[in-house]
Amino acid sequence: MGLSLEVGYLADLLKNDEEGAKWFQGNIQRLNTFLTSMNLPPHTEPERCDIFSCDMYGYSGLHYLRRIAAHLDLNSVLPPPGEDDPTEDPAIEQYSSSLLGQGELTFDHLMLHSDAEGYYLPQDFGSVLFPPEALNIPGGMVGSSNRLREECKRLATALGLPLDLDPESEIVWEAPESQGEGETQWQRYGIESFICLRLFHACEHSIKNGAAIVFC
């Protein structure tokens, strides 16, 4: 078990889970009341589109990439490849403290999101959205696919990661197994690159199809 991403979630549910589709549509309807209150366009989730889905690296993989982002934003230095528990890195806590202090940080759409559920919408809004708790939006925070894509591009440049790699290719799946020891820089950062590539491709599909990225 672990985190998965899906783009085209409603289109998939409508094929075999009518009850699940109604639940998801209800979430989007409630979210749209918040979007319009923020002078943002409502999200219309397509009922038919190409479906993109992928498994992440358990629930911990996302934190490996967040650690890299925190170091780059705070110190402008790429740290060594992550080991053990990346959430223990002081840069993660420092990043969070800087957010509370309203510091100028540039990976907010990656950092400010649940690692287990929630949505990214194919809209270009600057700040991560925090719908009221009463709306019961999964994850409690909503990011922009457009902004997350740009953040992934910057991280890929730092990692030396070619974004045209197939995220399901053997070389990508093998990268986490050579963490810290790969032949190329992106392979040495195997887990971080694995996650970055998957997020980037999810963003591309989201923007192209007008569908939300769903963490599930």
Foldseek 3Di string as FASTA:
>chain_A
DAKKKKWLVLLVCVVPPPPVNVVVVLLQVLVQVVCVVVVHHRADADNDDDMDMDGADGLQLLLQLVLQLLCCFPPVDGDAADDDHSCPPVSLVVVVVCVVVVHDGQQQLSNQWDSAKAKAFQDDDDHWDADDVVSVNPGRIYHHLVSNLVVLVVSCVVQVHDLPDDLPDPLLVCLVVCQCHDPGSNSVNNSNNSRSSSSNVSSVRCNVNRTMIIID
